[in-house]
């Protein structure tokens, strides 16, 4: 997931909780110009892409929250729970 978000240009920062939760804070919005004009459409599409990535990468991990922020502040958050988060937690020193 981290590699996919990076490849899409979001510059994600991952925070892993010990409780099976993981949060990605997106430090860049590569679509900010379009988001200013059509935020509802673009952010809904991004949420759908995120769900699709999870379905492909790890169907047991669920999207628990998708927090939309100002595209210029670039602090949207993707919150996950499940196997992917637990595995990342186990591999974090």
PDB file of N, CA and C in Angstrom:
ATOM      1  N   UNK A   1       0.827  -1.181   0.000  1.00  0.00           N
ATOM      2  CA  UNK A   1       0.000   0.000   0.000  1.00  0.00           C
ATOM      3  C   UNK A   1       0.874   1.247   0.000  1.00  0.00           C
ATOM      4  N   UNK A   2       1.905   1.229   0.839  1.00  0.00           N
ATOM      5  CA  UNK A   2       2.796   2.391   0.926  1.00  0.00           C
ATOM      6  C   UNK A   2       3.441   2.660  -0.430  1.00  0.00           C
ATOM      7  N   UNK A   3       3.916   1.610  -1.086  1.00  0.00           N
ATOM      8  CA  UNK A   3       4.559   1.761  -2.403  1.00  0.00           C
ATOM      9  C   UNK A   3       3.572   2.302  -3.430  1.00  0.00           C
ATOM     10  N   UNK A   4       2.331   1.842  -3.390  1.00  0.00           N
ATOM     11  CA  UNK A   4       1.319   2.318  -4.343  1.00  0.00           C
ATOM     12  C   UNK A   4       1.011   3.792  -4.110  1.00  0.00           C
ATOM     13  N   UNK A   5       0.837   4.195  -2.862  1.00  0.00           N
ATOM     14  CA  UNK A   5       0.558   5.600  -2.557  1.00  0.00           C
ATOM     15  C   UNK A   5       1.738   6.490  -2.936  1.00  0.00           C
ATOM     16  N   UNK A   6       2.942   5.978  -2.745  1.00  0.00           N
ATOM     17  CA  UNK A   6       4.135   6.730  -3.138  1.00  0.00           C
ATOM     18  C   UNK A   6       4.185   6.884  -4.653  1.00  0.00           C
ATOM     19  N   UNK A   7       3.937   5.796  -5.376  1.00  0.00           N
ATOM     20  CA  UNK A   7       3.960   5.837  -6.841  1.00  0.00           C
ATOM     21  C   UNK A   7       2.902   6.790  -7.402  1.00  0.00           C
ATOM     22  N   UNK A   8       1.794   6.933  -6.692  1.00  0.00           N
ATOM     23  CA  UNK A   8       0.738   7.854  -7.127  1.00  0.00           C
ATOM     24  C   UNK A   8       1.062   9.309  -6.789  1.00  0.00           C
ATOM     25  N   UNK A   9       2.142   9.552  -6.031  1.00  0.00           N
ATOM     26  CA  UNK A   9       2.584  10.909  -5.742  1.00  0.00           C
ATOM     27  C   UNK A   9       2.069  11.522  -4.455  1.00  0.00           C
ATOM     28  N   UNK A  10       1.533  10.708  -3.545  1.00  0.00           N
ATOM     29  CA  UNK A  10       0.941  11.246  -2.323  1.00  0.00           C
ATOM     30  C   UNK A  10       1.940  11.502  -1.194  1.00  0.00           C
ATOM     31  N   UNK A  11       3.156  11.027  -1.305  1.00  0.00           N
ATOM     32  CA  UNK A  11       4.175  11.169  -0.261  1.00  0.00           C
ATOM     33  C   UNK A  11       3.625  10.754   1.116  1.00  0.00           C
ATOM     34  N   UNK A  12       3.210   9.490   1.239  1.00  0.00           N
ATOM     35  CA  UNK A  12       2.568   9.045   2.478  1.00  0.00           C
ATOM     36  C   UNK A  12       3.543   8.891   3.642  1.00  0.00           C
ATOM     37  N   UNK A  13       3.031   9.182   4.821  1.00  0.00           N
ATOM     38  CA  UNK A  13       3.729   8.875   6.074  1.00  0.00           C
ATOM     39  C   UNK A  13       2.866   7.870   6.804  1.00  0.00           C
ATOM     40  N   UNK A  14       3.466   6.758   7.188  1.00  0.00           N
ATOM     41  CA  UNK A  14       2.710   5.669   7.815  1.00  0.00           C
ATOM     42  C   UNK A  14       2.899   5.690   9.316  1.00  0.00           C
ATOM     43  N   UNK A  15       1.796   5.564  10.031  1.00  0.00           N
ATOM     44  CA  UNK A  15       1.803   5.421  11.483  1.00  0.00           C
ATOM     45  C   UNK A  15       1.142   4.085  11.794  1.00  0.00           C
ATOM     46  N   UNK A  16       1.842   3.245  12.522  1.00  0.00           N
ATOM     47  CA  UNK A  16       1.338   1.915  12.826  1.00  0.00           C
ATOM     48  C   UNK A  16       1.023   1.823  14.308  1.00  0.00           C
ATOM     49  N   UNK A  17      -0.194   1.391  14.609  1.00  0.00           N
ATOM     50  CA  UNK A  17      -0.595   1.176  15.995  1.00  0.00           C
ATOM     51  C   UNK A  17      -0.475  -0.286  16.351  1.00  0.00           C
ATOM     52  N   UNK A  18      -0.325  -0.565  17.606  1.00  0.00           N
ATOM     53  CA  UNK A  18      -0.211  -1.948  18.065  1.00  0.00           C
ATOM     54  C   UNK A  18      -1.559  -2.652  18.096  1.00  0.00           C
ATOM     55  N   UNK A  19      -2.626  -1.927  17.888  1.00  0.00           N
ATOM     56  CA  UNK A  19      -3.967  -2.490  17.988  1.00  0.00           C
ATOM     57  C   UNK A  19      -4.538  -2.938  16.641  1.00  0.00           C
ATOM     58  N   UNK A  20      -3.666  -3.134  15.648  1.00  0.00           N
ATOM     59  CA  UNK A  20      -4.148  -3.571  14.337  1.00  0.00           C
ATOM     60  C   UNK A  20      -4.627  -2.442  13.465  1.00  0.00           C
ATOM     61  N   UNK A  21      -4.266  -1.221  13.809  1.00  0.00           N
ATOM     62  CA  UNK A  21      -4.633  -0.048  13.016  1.00  0.00           C
ATOM     63  C   UNK A  21      -3.396   0.556  12.379  1.00  0.00           C
ATOM     64  N   UNK A  22      -3.616   1.152  11.218  1.00  0.00           N
ATOM     65  CA  UNK A  22      -2.539   1.843  10.532  1.00  0.00           C
ATOM     66  C   UNK A  22      -3.140   3.073   9.858  1.00  0.00           C
ATOM     67  N   UNK A  23      -2.408   4.174   9.930  1.00  0.00           N
ATOM     68  CA  UNK A  23      -2.856   5.421   9.316  1.00  0.00           C
ATOM     69  C   UNK A  23      -1.794   5.913   8.351  1.00  0.00           C
ATOM     70  N   UNK A  24      -2.245   6.303   7.180  1.00  0.00           N
ATOM     71  CA  UNK A  24      -1.375   6.978   6.226  1.00  0.00           C
ATOM     72  C   UNK A  24      -1.784   8.439   6.196  1.00  0.00           C
ATOM     73  N   UNK A  25      -0.846   9.319   6.469  1.00  0.00           N
ATOM     74  CA  UNK A  25      -1.068  10.752   6.302  1.00  0.00           C
ATOM     75  C   UNK A  25      -0.432  11.118   4.967  1.00  0.00           C
ATOM     76  N   UNK A  26      -1.234  11.659   4.076  1.00  0.00           N
ATOM     77  CA  UNK A  26      -0.769  11.983   2.736  1.00  0.00           C
ATOM     78  C   UNK A  26      -0.223  13.401   2.727  1.00  0.00           C
ATOM     79  N   UNK A  27       1.072  13.537   2.499  1.00  0.00           N
ATOM     80  CA  UNK A  27       1.763  14.819   2.584  1.00  0.00           C
ATOM     81  C   UNK A  27       1.777  15.595   1.276  1.00  0.00           C
ATOM     82  N   UNK A  28       1.195  15.037   0.234  1.00  0.00           N
ATOM     83  CA  UNK A  28       1.111  15.736  -1.046  1.00  0.00           C
ATOM     84  C   UNK A  28      -0.178  15.325  -1.736  1.00  0.00           C
ATOM     85  N   UNK A  29      -0.833  16.274  -2.352  1.00  0.00           N
ATOM     86  CA  UNK A  29      -2.010  15.977  -3.163  1.00  0.00           C
ATOM     87  C   UNK A  29      -1.634  16.240  -4.622  1.00  0.00           C
ATOM     88  N   UNK A  30      -1.362  15.170  -5.380  1.00  0.00           N
ATOM     89  CA  UNK A  30      -0.964  15.365  -6.764  1.00  0.00           C
ATOM     90  C   UNK A  30      -2.102  15.884  -7.643  1.00  0.00           C
ATOM     91  N   UNK A  31      -3.305  15.896  -7.105  1.00  0.00           N
ATOM     92  CA  UNK A  31      -4.477  16.333  -7.872  1.00  0.00           C
ATOM     93  C   UNK A  31      -5.049  17.646  -7.362  1.00  0.00           C
ATOM     94  N   UNK A  32      -4.241  18.412  -6.612  1.00  0.00           N
ATOM     95  CA  UNK A  32      -4.770  19.595  -5.918  1.00  0.00           C
ATOM     96  C   UNK A  32      -5.467  20.584  -6.853  1.00  0.00           C
ATOM     97  N   UNK A  33      -4.951  20.790  -8.065  1.00  0.00           N
ATOM     98  CA  UNK A  33      -5.589  21.756  -8.969  1.00  0.00           C
ATOM     99  C   UNK A  33      -7.000  21.328  -9.338  1.00  0.00           C
ATOM    100  N   UNK A  34      -7.186  20.061  -9.617  1.00  0.00           N
ATOM    101  CA  UNK A  34      -8.511  19.545  -9.960  1.00  0.00           C
ATOM    102  C   UNK A  34      -9.400  19.482  -8.726  1.00  0.00           C
ATOM    103  N   UNK A  35      -8.813  19.145  -7.581  1.00  0.00           N
ATOM    104  CA  UNK A  35      -9.588  19.066  -6.338  1.00  0.00           C
ATOM    105  C   UNK A  35     -10.228  20.412  -6.019  1.00  0.00           C
ATOM    106  N   UNK A  36      -9.527  21.487  -6.284  1.00  0.00           N
ATOM    107  CA  UNK A  36     -10.097  22.820  -6.015  1.00  0.00           C
ATOM    108  C   UNK A  36     -11.384  23.042  -6.804  1.00  0.00           C
ATOM    109  N   UNK A  37     -11.482  22.461  -7.989  1.00  0.00           N
ATOM    110  CA  UNK A  37     -12.664  22.647  -8.836  1.00  0.00           C
ATOM    111  C   UNK A  37     -13.745  21.600  -8.581  1.00  0.00           C
ATOM    112  N   UNK A  38     -13.348  20.362  -8.279  1.00  0.00           N
ATOM    113  CA  UNK A  38     -14.295  19.245  -8.168  1.00  0.00           C
ATOM    114  C   UNK A  38     -13.924  18.310  -7.025  1.00  0.00           C
ATOM    115  N   UNK A  39     -13.818  18.851  -5.822  1.00  0.00           N
ATOM    116  CA  UNK A  39     -13.350  18.066  -4.687  1.00  0.00           C
ATOM    117  C   UNK A  39     -14.178  16.807  -4.461  1.00  0.00           C
ATOM    118  N   UNK A  40     -15.475  16.908  -4.486  1.00  0.00           N
ATOM    119  CA  UNK A  40     -16.314  15.740  -4.193  1.00  0.00           C
ATOM    120  C   UNK A  40     -16.033  14.598  -5.170  1.00  0.00           C
ATOM    121  N   UNK A  41     -15.889  14.920  -6.427  1.00  0.00           N
ATOM    122  CA  UNK A  41     -15.645  13.877  -7.438  1.00  0.00           C
ATOM    123  C   UNK A  41     -14.260  13.266  -7.269  1.00  0.00           C
ATOM    124  N   UNK A  42     -13.243  14.102  -7.169  1.00  0.00           N
ATOM    125  CA  UNK A  42     -11.861  13.609  -7.106  1.00  0.00           C
ATOM    126  C   UNK A  42     -11.626  12.817  -5.827  1.00  0.00           C
ATOM    127  N   UNK A  43     -12.075  13.321  -4.700  1.00  0.00           N
ATOM    128  CA  UNK A  43     -11.831  12.634  -3.429  1.00  0.00           C
ATOM    129  C   UNK A  43     -12.633  11.329  -3.341  1.00  0.00           C
ATOM    130  N   UNK A  44     -13.836  11.313  -3.900  1.00  0.00           N
ATOM    131  CA  UNK A  44     -14.619  10.078  -3.942  1.00  0.00           C
ATOM    132  C   UNK A  44     -13.920   9.051  -4.824  1.00  0.00           C
ATOM    133  N   UNK A  45     -13.361   9.490  -5.936  1.00  0.00           N
ATOM    134  CA  UNK A  45     -12.621   8.586  -6.814  1.00  0.00           C
ATOM    135  C   UNK A  45     -11.378   8.047  -6.095  1.00  0.00           C
ATOM    136  N   UNK A  46     -10.670   8.919  -5.371  1.00  0.00           N
ATOM    137  CA  UNK A  46      -9.481   8.475  -4.644  1.00  0.00           C
ATOM    138  C   UNK A  46      -9.847   7.456  -3.569  1.00  0.00           C
ATOM    139  N   UNK A  47     -10.955   7.676  -2.896  1.00  0.00           N
ATOM    140  CA  UNK A  47     -11.413   6.703  -1.896  1.00  0.00           C
ATOM    141  C   UNK A  47     -11.689   5.352  -2.559  1.00  0.00           C
ATOM    142  N   UNK A  48     -12.315   5.379  -3.726  1.00  0.00           N
ATOM    143  CA  UNK A  48     -12.589   4.145  -4.465  1.00  0.00           C
ATOM    144  C   UNK A  48     -11.313   3.443  -4.902  1.00  0.00           C
ATOM    145  N   UNK A  49     -10.327   4.203  -5.349  1.00  0.00           N
ATOM    146  CA  UNK A  49      -9.033   3.627  -5.725  1.00  0.00           C
ATOM    147  C   UNK A  49      -8.387   2.975  -4.505  1.00  0.00           C
ATOM    148  N   UNK A  50      -8.483   3.623  -3.365  1.00  0.00           N
ATOM    149  CA  UNK A  50      -7.912   3.079  -2.130  1.00  0.00           C
ATOM    150  C   UNK A  50      -8.577   1.756  -1.774  1.00  0.00           C
ATOM    151  N   UNK A  51      -9.904   1.701  -1.863  1.00  0.00           N
ATOM    152  CA  UNK A  51     -10.609   0.441  -1.582  1.00  0.00           C
ATOM    153  C   UNK A  51     -10.207  -0.643  -2.574  1.00  0.00           C
ATOM    154  N   UNK A  52     -10.063  -0.262  -3.846  1.00  0.00           N
ATOM    155  CA  UNK A  52      -9.644  -1.219  -4.863  1.00  0.00           C
ATOM    156  C   UNK A  52      -8.248  -1.762  -4.606  1.00  0.00           C
ATOM    157  N   UNK A  53      -7.333  -0.888  -4.182  1.00  0.00           N
ATOM    158  CA  UNK A  53      -5.984  -1.332  -3.833  1.00  0.00           C
ATOM    159  C   UNK A  53      -6.023  -2.332  -2.684  1.00  0.00           C
ATOM    160  N   UNK A  54      -6.816  -2.029  -1.677  1.00  0.00           N
ATOM    161  CA  UNK A  54      -6.925  -2.949  -0.543  1.00  0.00           C
ATOM    162  C   UNK A  54      -7.508  -4.286  -0.977  1.00  0.00           C
ATOM    163  N   UNK A  55      -8.525  -4.267  -1.826  1.00  0.00           N
ATOM    164  CA  UNK A  55      -9.123  -5.516  -2.317  1.00  0.00           C
ATOM    165  C   UNK A  55      -8.085  -6.358  -3.054  1.00  0.00           C
ATOM    166  N   UNK A  56      -7.206  -5.686  -3.806  1.00  0.00           N
ATOM    167  CA  UNK A  56      -6.192  -6.404  -4.581  1.00  0.00           C
ATOM    168  C   UNK A  56      -5.018  -6.852  -3.708  1.00  0.00           C
ATOM    169  N   UNK A  57      -4.595  -6.002  -2.788  1.00  0.00           N
ATOM    170  CA  UNK A  57      -3.403  -6.288  -1.994  1.00  0.00           C
ATOM    171  C   UNK A  57      -3.684  -7.167  -0.781  1.00  0.00           C
ATOM    172  N   UNK A  58      -4.791  -6.906  -0.095  1.00  0.00           N
ATOM    173  CA  UNK A  58      -5.099  -7.644   1.127  1.00  0.00           C
ATOM    174  C   UNK A  58      -6.572  -7.451   1.479  1.00  0.00           C
ATOM    175  N   UNK A  59      -7.433  -8.317   0.945  1.00  0.00           N
ATOM    176  CA  UNK A  59      -8.875  -8.157   1.177  1.00  0.00           C
ATOM    177  C   UNK A  59      -9.304  -8.209   2.637  1.00  0.00           C
ATOM    178  N   UNK A  60      -8.441  -8.742   3.504  1.00  0.00           N
ATOM    179  CA  UNK A  60      -8.779  -8.817   4.928  1.00  0.00           C
ATOM    180  C   UNK A  60      -8.566  -7.487   5.650  1.00  0.00           C
ATOM    181  N   UNK A  61      -7.812  -6.578   5.046  1.00  0.00           N
ATOM    182  CA  UNK A  61      -7.594  -5.262   5.642  1.00  0.00           C
ATOM    183  C   UNK A  61      -8.702  -4.332   5.155  1.00  0.00           C
ATOM    184  N   UNK A  62      -9.296  -3.619   6.061  1.00  0.00           N
ATOM    185  CA  UNK A  62     -10.447  -2.764   5.752  1.00  0.00           C
ATOM    186  C   UNK A  62     -10.111  -1.286   5.894  1.00  0.00           C
ATOM    187  N   UNK A  63     -10.697  -0.505   5.038  1.00  0.00           N
ATOM    188  CA  UNK A  63     -10.617   0.953   5.128  1.00  0.00           C
ATOM    189  C   UNK A  63     -11.618   1.379   6.197  1.00  0.00           C
ATOM    190  N   UNK A  64     -11.121   1.914   7.307  1.00  0.00           N
ATOM    191  CA  UNK A  64     -12.019   2.288   8.407  1.00  0.00           C
ATOM    192  C   UNK A  64     -12.348   3.771   8.416  1.00  0.00           C
ATOM    193  N   UNK A  65     -11.500   4.573   7.765  1.00  0.00           N
ATOM    194  CA  UNK A  65     -11.780   6.007   7.702  1.00  0.00           C
ATOM    195  C   UNK A  65     -10.961   6.609   6.566  1.00  0.00           C
ATOM    196  N   UNK A  66     -11.524   7.606   5.933  1.00  0.00           N
ATOM    197  CA  UNK A  66     -10.875   8.331   4.848  1.00  0.00           C
ATOM    198  C   UNK A  66     -11.180   9.798   5.103  1.00  0.00           C
ATOM    199  N   UNK A  67     -10.215  10.506   5.657  1.00  0.00           N
ATOM    200  CA  UNK A  67     -10.423  11.886   6.105  1.00  0.00           C
ATOM    201  C   UNK A  67      -9.873  12.841   5.055  1.00  0.00           C
ATOM    202  N   UNK A  68     -10.756  13.669   4.521  1.00  0.00           N
ATOM    203  CA  UNK A  68     -10.395  14.617   3.470  1.00  0.00           C
ATOM    204  C   UNK A  68     -10.046  15.956   4.107  1.00  0.00           C
ATOM    205  N   UNK A  69      -8.919  16.500   3.683  1.00  0.00           N
ATOM    206  CA  UNK A  69      -8.464  17.809   4.161  1.00  0.00           C
ATOM    207  C   UNK A  69      -8.268  18.735   2.965  1.00  0.00           C
ATOM    208  N   UNK A  70      -7.951  19.967   3.232  1.00  0.00           N
ATOM    209  CA  UNK A  70      -7.644  20.946   2.193  1.00  0.00           C
ATOM    210  C   UNK A  70      -6.479  20.426   1.348  1.00  0.00           C
ATOM    211  N   UNK A  71      -6.603  20.410   0.021  1.00  0.00           N
ATOM    212  CA  UNK A  71      -5.526  19.863  -0.814  1.00  0.00           C
ATOM    213  C   UNK A  71      -4.218  20.644  -0.704  1.00  0.00           C
ATOM    214  N   UNK A  72      -4.282  21.923  -0.371  1.00  0.00           N
ATOM    215  CA  UNK A  72      -3.053  22.701  -0.209  1.00  0.00           C
ATOM    216  C   UNK A  72      -2.334  22.361   1.094  1.00  0.00           C
ATOM    217  N   UNK A  73      -3.102  21.977   2.117  1.00  0.00           N
ATOM    218  CA  UNK A  73      -2.497  21.556   3.382  1.00  0.00           C
ATOM    219  C   UNK A  73      -1.944  20.141   3.258  1.00  0.00           C
ATOM    220  N   UNK A  74      -2.518  19.369   2.345  1.00  0.00           N
ATOM    221  CA  UNK A  74      -2.069  17.998   2.051  1.00  0.00           C
ATOM    222  C   UNK A  74      -1.899  17.175   3.314  1.00  0.00           C
ATOM    223  N   UNK A  75      -2.988  16.948   4.005  1.00  0.00           N
ATOM    224  CA  UNK A  75      -2.932  16.149   5.229  1.00  0.00           C
ATOM    225  C   UNK A  75      -4.089  15.161   5.303  1.00  0.00           C
ATOM    226  N   UNK A  76      -4.583  14.716   4.143  1.00  0.00           N
ATOM    227  CA  UNK A  76      -5.646  13.710   4.140  1.00  0.00           C
ATOM    228  C   UNK A  76      -5.117  12.455   4.827  1.00  0.00           C
ATOM    229  N   UNK A  77      -6.044  11.689   5.430  1.00  0.00           N
ATOM    230  CA  UNK A  77      -5.641  10.485   6.144  1.00  0.00           C
ATOM    231  C   UNK A  77      -6.446   9.284   5.669  1.00  0.00           C
ATOM    232  N   UNK A  78      -5.734   8.186   5.553  1.00  0.00           N
ATOM    233  CA  UNK A  78      -6.344   6.898   5.241  1.00  0.00           C
ATOM    234  C   UNK A  78      -6.110   6.017   6.462  1.00  0.00           C
ATOM    235  N   UNK A  79      -7.183   5.501   7.046  1.00  0.00           N
ATOM    236  CA  UNK A  79      -7.066   4.669   8.234  1.00  0.00           C
ATOM    237  C   UNK A  79      -7.500   3.249   7.896  1.00  0.00           C
ATOM    238  N   UNK A  80      -6.656   2.297   8.273  1.00  0.00           N
ATOM    239  CA  UNK A  80      -6.867   0.892   7.947  1.00  0.00           C
ATOM    240  C   UNK A  80      -6.857   0.044   9.209  1.00  0.00           C
ATOM    241  N   UNK A  81      -7.495  -1.116   9.097  1.00  0.00           N
ATOM    242  CA  UNK A  81      -7.457  -2.083  10.191  1.00  0.00           C
ATOM    243  C   UNK A  81      -7.469  -3.476   9.586  1.00  0.00           C
ATOM    244  N   UNK A  82      -6.588  -4.320  10.094  1.00  0.00           N
ATOM    245  CA  UNK A  82      -6.565  -5.700   9.627  1.00  0.00           C
ATOM    246  C   UNK A  82      -5.167  -6.238   9.468  1.00  0.00           C
ATOM    247  N   UNK A  83      -5.058  -7.283   8.649  1.00  0.00           N
ATOM    248  CA  UNK A  83      -3.806  -8.017   8.506  1.00  0.00           C
ATOM    249  C   UNK A  83      -2.645  -7.140   8.056  1.00  0.00           C
ATOM    250  N   UNK A  84      -2.875  -6.255   7.092  1.00  0.00           N
ATOM    251  CA  UNK A  84      -1.804  -5.398   6.587  1.00  0.00           C
ATOM    252  C   UNK A  84      -1.233  -4.529   7.711  1.00  0.00           C
ATOM    253  N   UNK A  85      -2.111  -3.995   8.534  1.00  0.00           N
ATOM    254  CA  UNK A  85      -1.675  -3.149   9.642  1.00  0.00           C
ATOM    255  C   UNK A  85      -0.935  -3.970  10.693  1.00  0.00           C
ATOM    256  N   UNK A  86      -1.437  -5.159  11.003  1.00  0.00           N
ATOM    257  CA  UNK A  86      -0.768  -6.003  11.993  1.00  0.00           C
ATOM    258  C   UNK A  86       0.606  -6.435  11.501  1.00  0.00           C
ATOM    259  N   UNK A  87       0.713  -6.748  10.221  1.00  0.00           N
ATOM    260  CA  UNK A  87       2.005  -7.152   9.661  1.00  0.00           C
ATOM    261  C   UNK A  87       3.005  -5.980   9.711  1.00  0.00           C
ATOM    262  N   UNK A  88       2.541  -4.790   9.373  1.00  0.00           N
ATOM    263  CA  UNK A  88       3.423  -3.620   9.435  1.00  0.00           C
ATOM    264  C   UNK A  88       3.863  -3.359  10.871  1.00  0.00           C
ATOM    265  N   UNK A  89       2.959  -3.550  11.817  1.00  0.00           N
ATOM    266  CA  UNK A  89       3.292  -3.355  13.218  1.00  0.00           C
ATOM    267  C   UNK A  89       4.362  -4.351  13.673  1.00  0.00           C
ATOM    268  N   UNK A  90       4.271  -5.577  13.216  1.00  0.00           N
ATOM    269  CA  UNK A  90       5.234  -6.605  13.582  1.00  0.00           C
ATOM    270  C   UNK A  90       6.606  -6.337  12.993  1.00  0.00           C
ATOM    271  N   UNK A  91       6.646  -5.636  11.857  1.00  0.00           N
ATOM    272  CA  UNK A  91       7.913  -5.349  11.178  1.00  0.00           C
ATOM    273  C   UNK A  91       8.502  -3.991  11.525  1.00  0.00           C
ATOM    274  N   UNK A  92       7.826  -3.222  12.383  1.00  0.00           N
ATOM    275  CA  UNK A  92       8.321  -1.911  12.787  1.00  0.00           C
ATOM    276  C   UNK A  92       9.156  -2.052  14.045  1.00  0.00           C
ATOM    277  N   UNK A  93      10.386  -1.557  14.004  1.00  0.00           N
ATOM    278  CA  UNK A  93      11.247  -1.695  15.207  1.00  0.00           C
ATOM    279  C   UNK A  93      10.756  -0.841  16.357  1.00  0.00           C
TER     280      UNK A  93
END
